[in-house]
N, C-alpha and C. Protein backbone atom coordinates (compact mmCIF):
# COMPACT_ATOMS: atom_id res chain seq x y z
N MET A 1 57.37 95.10 182.34
CA MET A 1 57.26 96.64 182.42
C MET A 1 55.67 96.40 182.13
N ALA A 2 54.47 96.99 182.59
CA ALA A 2 53.26 97.34 182.32
C ALA A 2 53.25 97.92 180.92
N SER A 3 52.26 97.42 180.16
CA SER A 3 52.23 97.61 178.85
C SER A 3 51.42 99.37 178.84
N GLY A 4 51.03 99.61 179.79
CA GLY A 4 49.94 100.75 180.11
C GLY A 4 51.16 101.65 180.14
N LEU A 5 52.04 101.95 180.33
CA LEU A 5 53.20 102.87 180.84
C LEU A 5 54.11 102.98 179.08
N LEU A 6 53.65 101.81 178.17
CA LEU A 6 54.21 102.12 177.23
C LEU A 6 53.76 102.70 175.70
N PRO A 7 53.70 103.71 175.06
CA PRO A 7 53.71 103.93 173.98
C PRO A 7 53.02 103.09 172.92
N GLU A 8 51.60 103.29 172.46
CA GLU A 8 51.07 102.21 171.56
C GLU A 8 51.62 101.34 170.80
N HIS A 9 52.89 102.18 169.99
CA HIS A 9 53.59 101.56 169.08
C HIS A 9 54.48 100.93 169.36
N ILE A 10 54.92 100.83 170.97
CA ILE A 10 56.23 100.16 171.57
C ILE A 10 55.63 99.13 171.84
N GLY A 11 54.28 98.91 172.43
CA GLY A 11 53.99 97.52 173.16
C GLY A 11 53.77 96.19 172.08
N PRO A 12 53.50 95.84 171.05
CA PRO A 12 53.59 95.16 169.98
C PRO A 12 55.08 94.75 169.68
N LEU A 13 55.87 95.50 170.00
CA LEU A 13 57.25 95.17 169.94
C LEU A 13 57.96 94.83 170.71
N VAL A 14 57.65 95.41 172.69
CA VAL A 14 57.97 94.51 173.39
C VAL A 14 57.33 93.05 173.37
N ASP A 15 56.49 92.68 173.28
CA ASP A 15 55.49 91.58 173.42
C ASP A 15 55.95 90.71 171.98
N ARG A 16 56.44 91.25 170.89
CA ARG A 16 57.17 90.38 169.78
C ARG A 16 58.78 89.71 170.42
N LEU A 17 58.97 90.92 170.85
CA LEU A 17 60.80 90.46 171.80
C LEU A 17 60.28 89.48 172.59
N ARG A 18 59.84 89.11 173.58
CA ARG A 18 59.17 88.39 174.80
C ARG A 18 58.85 87.14 173.72
N ALA A 19 58.42 87.11 173.26
CA ALA A 19 57.94 85.96 172.28
C ALA A 19 58.97 85.30 171.56
N GLY A 20 60.14 86.22 171.63
CA GLY A 20 61.23 85.28 170.91
C GLY A 20 61.20 85.31 169.67
N ASP A 21 60.48 86.24 168.72
CA ASP A 21 60.36 86.92 167.78
C ASP A 21 61.58 87.32 166.74
N HIS A 22 62.58 87.42 166.65
CA HIS A 22 64.09 88.06 166.41
C HIS A 22 64.00 88.91 165.26
N GLN A 23 62.79 89.32 164.01
CA GLN A 23 62.99 89.77 163.24
C GLN A 23 63.13 90.98 163.06
N SER A 24 64.03 91.89 162.34
CA SER A 24 64.79 93.10 162.29
C SER A 24 63.76 94.13 163.43
N VAL A 25 64.40 94.80 163.85
CA VAL A 25 63.87 96.14 164.70
C VAL A 25 64.44 97.24 164.18
N SER A 26 63.42 98.04 164.03
CA SER A 26 63.83 99.45 163.49
C SER A 26 64.70 100.30 164.74
N LEU A 27 65.52 101.36 163.67
CA LEU A 27 66.19 101.98 164.89
C LEU A 27 65.59 102.95 165.76
N PRO A 28 64.75 103.73 164.86
CA PRO A 28 63.77 104.36 165.47
C PRO A 28 62.22 103.50 166.88
N ASP A 29 62.48 102.34 166.45
CA ASP A 29 62.01 101.84 167.51
C ASP A 29 62.68 101.28 168.92
N VAL A 30 63.70 101.17 168.56
CA VAL A 30 65.08 101.09 169.87
C VAL A 30 65.01 102.12 170.59
N ALA A 31 64.93 103.55 169.58
CA ALA A 31 65.18 104.57 170.05
C ALA A 31 64.23 105.05 170.97
N ALA A 32 62.97 104.51 170.95
CA ALA A 32 61.80 104.64 171.35
C ALA A 32 61.83 103.97 172.54
N LEU A 33 62.05 102.80 172.60
CA LEU A 33 61.88 101.36 173.75
C LEU A 33 62.61 102.13 174.75
N THR A 34 64.15 102.64 174.30
CA THR A 34 65.24 103.43 175.42
C THR A 34 64.58 104.49 175.64
N GLU A 35 64.14 105.06 174.86
CA GLU A 35 63.80 106.03 175.83
C GLU A 35 62.53 105.89 177.07
N VAL A 36 61.82 105.39 176.70
CA VAL A 36 60.65 104.74 177.85
C VAL A 36 61.42 104.14 179.12
N LEU A 37 62.00 103.05 178.62
CA LEU A 37 62.72 102.60 179.58
C LEU A 37 63.71 103.42 180.58
N MET A 38 64.57 104.56 179.80
CA MET A 38 65.37 105.48 180.73
C MET A 38 64.45 106.79 181.54
N ARG A 39 63.34 106.64 181.24
CA ARG A 39 62.00 107.54 181.58
C ARG A 39 61.91 106.42 183.01
N SER A 40 61.56 105.24 183.26
CA SER A 40 61.26 104.59 183.85
C SER A 40 61.68 104.34 184.90
N LEU A 41 63.18 104.30 184.72
CA LEU A 41 64.35 104.28 185.68
C LEU A 41 64.47 105.61 186.55
N GLU A 42 64.12 106.65 185.35
CA GLU A 42 64.26 107.96 186.19
C GLU A 42 63.71 108.07 187.32
N SER A 43 62.08 107.53 186.93
CA SER A 43 61.17 108.23 187.66
C SER A 43 61.43 107.30 189.34
N TYR A 44 61.85 105.83 188.85
CA TYR A 44 62.00 104.98 189.83
C TYR A 44 63.19 105.58 190.92
N PHE A 45 64.41 105.98 190.52
CA PHE A 45 65.40 106.66 191.34
C PHE A 45 65.28 107.78 191.95
N LYS A 46 64.20 108.18 191.19
CA LYS A 46 64.00 109.98 191.94
C LYS A 46 62.67 109.30 193.21
N SER A 47 62.13 108.72 192.96
CA SER A 47 61.40 108.10 194.33
C SER A 47 62.54 107.27 195.34
N ILE A 48 63.28 106.44 195.30
CA ILE A 48 64.12 106.30 196.31
C ILE A 48 65.07 107.49 196.61
N ASP A 49 65.67 108.35 195.85
CA ASP A 49 66.14 109.83 196.50
C ASP A 49 64.94 110.41 197.57
N LEU A 50 63.85 110.25 196.87
CA LEU A 50 62.49 111.03 198.08
C LEU A 50 62.49 110.30 199.37
N THR A 51 62.95 109.32 198.90
CA THR A 51 62.48 107.77 200.38
C THR A 51 63.67 107.93 201.39
N ILE A 52 64.89 108.09 200.80
CA ILE A 52 66.18 108.28 201.52
C ILE A 52 66.53 109.37 202.16
N TYR A 53 65.93 110.61 201.53
CA TYR A 53 65.64 112.03 202.33
C TYR A 53 64.91 112.24 203.39
N ALA A 54 63.81 111.60 203.27
CA ALA A 54 62.39 111.63 204.33
C ALA A 54 63.11 110.54 205.41
N GLU A 55 63.85 109.77 205.40
CA GLU A 55 64.31 108.93 206.39
C GLU A 55 65.32 109.64 207.01
N CYS A 56 66.05 110.22 206.78
CA CYS A 56 67.59 110.84 207.16
C CYS A 56 66.56 112.44 207.56
N GLN A 57 65.63 112.70 206.71
CA GLN A 57 65.13 114.23 207.77
C GLN A 57 64.31 113.52 209.16
N SER A 58 63.53 112.45 209.15
CA SER A 58 62.97 111.66 210.30
C SER A 58 64.34 111.50 211.13
N LEU A 59 65.62 110.84 211.09
CA LEU A 59 66.77 110.58 212.23
C LEU A 59 66.94 112.04 212.31
N ALA A 60 67.47 113.08 211.71
CA ALA A 60 67.86 114.33 212.16
C ALA A 60 66.71 114.66 213.02
N ASP A 61 65.47 114.63 212.76
CA ASP A 61 64.40 115.25 213.97
C ASP A 61 64.29 114.69 215.05
N TYR A 62 64.80 112.84 214.89
CA TYR A 62 64.72 112.10 216.32
C TYR A 62 65.88 113.01 217.20
N ILE A 63 66.70 112.76 216.46
CA ILE A 63 68.34 113.41 217.31
C ILE A 63 68.32 114.30 217.93
N ASP A 64 67.70 115.83 217.40
CA ASP A 64 67.16 116.87 217.88
C ASP A 64 66.32 117.30 218.81
N ASP A 65 65.48 116.13 218.53
CA ASP A 65 64.62 116.07 220.23
C ASP A 65 65.49 115.45 221.10
N ALA A 66 65.81 114.51 221.00
CA ALA A 66 66.61 113.92 222.08
C ALA A 66 67.72 114.79 222.88
N ARG A 67 68.04 116.03 221.63
CA ARG A 67 69.56 117.12 222.54
C ARG A 67 68.41 117.97 223.46
N ILE A 68 67.26 117.90 222.73
CA ILE A 68 66.33 118.87 223.55
C ILE A 68 65.93 118.43 224.85
N GLU A 69 65.52 117.27 224.69
CA GLU A 69 65.29 116.26 226.25
C GLU A 69 66.31 116.32 226.91
N ILE A 70 67.62 116.10 226.57
CA ILE A 70 68.74 115.70 227.58
C ILE A 70 69.18 117.24 228.13
N SER A 71 68.80 118.10 227.32
CA SER A 71 69.72 119.37 227.84
C SER A 71 68.51 119.94 228.61
N SER A 72 67.35 119.73 228.56
CA SER A 72 66.33 119.82 229.65
C SER A 72 66.14 119.71 230.64
N LEU A 73 66.98 118.30 231.19
CA LEU A 73 67.25 117.57 232.23
C LEU A 73 67.62 118.10 233.39
N SER A 74 67.20 118.25 234.55
CA SER A 74 67.91 119.27 235.99
C SER A 74 67.65 118.35 236.84
N PRO A 75 68.99 117.79 237.46
CA PRO A 75 68.81 117.05 238.52
C PRO A 75 68.13 117.51 240.09
N GLU A 76 67.48 116.55 240.69
CA GLU A 76 66.63 116.71 241.63
C GLU A 76 66.84 116.78 242.97
N ASN A 77 68.13 116.33 242.95
CA ASN A 77 69.17 116.54 244.72
C ASN A 77 70.32 117.44 244.21
N SER A 78 70.68 118.05 245.07
CA SER A 78 71.17 118.99 245.16
C SER A 78 72.71 118.36 245.87
N ASP A 79 73.87 118.63 245.28
CA ASP A 79 75.31 118.10 245.96
C ASP A 79 75.72 119.11 245.67
N THR A 80 77.10 119.63 245.84
CA THR A 80 78.50 120.60 245.34
C THR A 80 78.99 120.41 244.52
N VAL A 81 79.57 118.88 244.87
CA VAL A 81 80.43 118.42 243.92
C VAL A 81 79.54 117.65 242.83
N GLY A 82 78.73 116.69 242.83
CA GLY A 82 77.94 116.01 241.96
C GLY A 82 77.38 116.92 240.54
N ILE A 83 76.16 117.74 241.50
CA ILE A 83 75.77 118.70 240.04
C ILE A 83 76.66 119.57 239.23
N PRO A 84 77.56 119.56 239.45
CA PRO A 84 78.72 120.64 238.40
C PRO A 84 79.43 119.69 237.61
N ARG A 85 79.46 118.04 238.05
CA ARG A 85 80.57 117.14 237.65
C ARG A 85 79.35 116.50 236.33
N ALA A 86 77.59 116.46 236.36
CA ALA A 86 76.64 115.90 236.29
C ALA A 86 76.11 116.65 234.84
N GLY A 87 76.75 118.10 234.92
CA GLY A 87 76.28 119.59 234.25
C GLY A 87 77.37 119.26 233.31
N LEU A 88 78.44 118.91 233.59
CA LEU A 88 79.27 119.17 232.39
C LEU A 88 79.33 117.56 231.75
N GLU A 89 78.87 116.49 232.04
CA GLU A 89 78.56 115.37 231.11
C GLU A 89 77.13 115.33 230.22
N LEU A 90 76.42 116.39 230.57
CA LEU A 90 75.23 116.35 230.23
C LEU A 90 75.69 117.41 229.08
N GLU A 91 76.50 118.46 229.30
CA GLU A 91 77.05 119.25 228.65
C GLU A 91 77.76 118.85 226.94
N ALA A 92 78.43 117.39 227.77
CA ALA A 92 79.49 117.04 226.49
C ALA A 92 78.57 115.98 225.83
N ILE A 93 77.09 115.54 226.57
CA ILE A 93 76.53 114.69 225.69
C ILE A 93 75.56 115.49 224.25
N VAL A 94 75.04 116.64 225.00
CA VAL A 94 74.50 117.76 224.10
C VAL A 94 75.22 118.69 223.14
């Protein structure tokens, strides 16, 4: 974790713990560090949720565009048997 994200009094505690200095740690320090970590994780998971939402929205837009394109197709050669069958097939797809 970047030290810029930690409050001033938490940074030295984290550095001390990383260095293997296992002196007793006060409960308020542990609580403050836990709070900072929870906020960091919350921010991270919110960004993931937004990414997934944007990808789903993009996929939904692509499907909608494909449906519109398929529904706008029209046969160029008319025959009395093929056109109704093709129309039913397109309707089933859309």
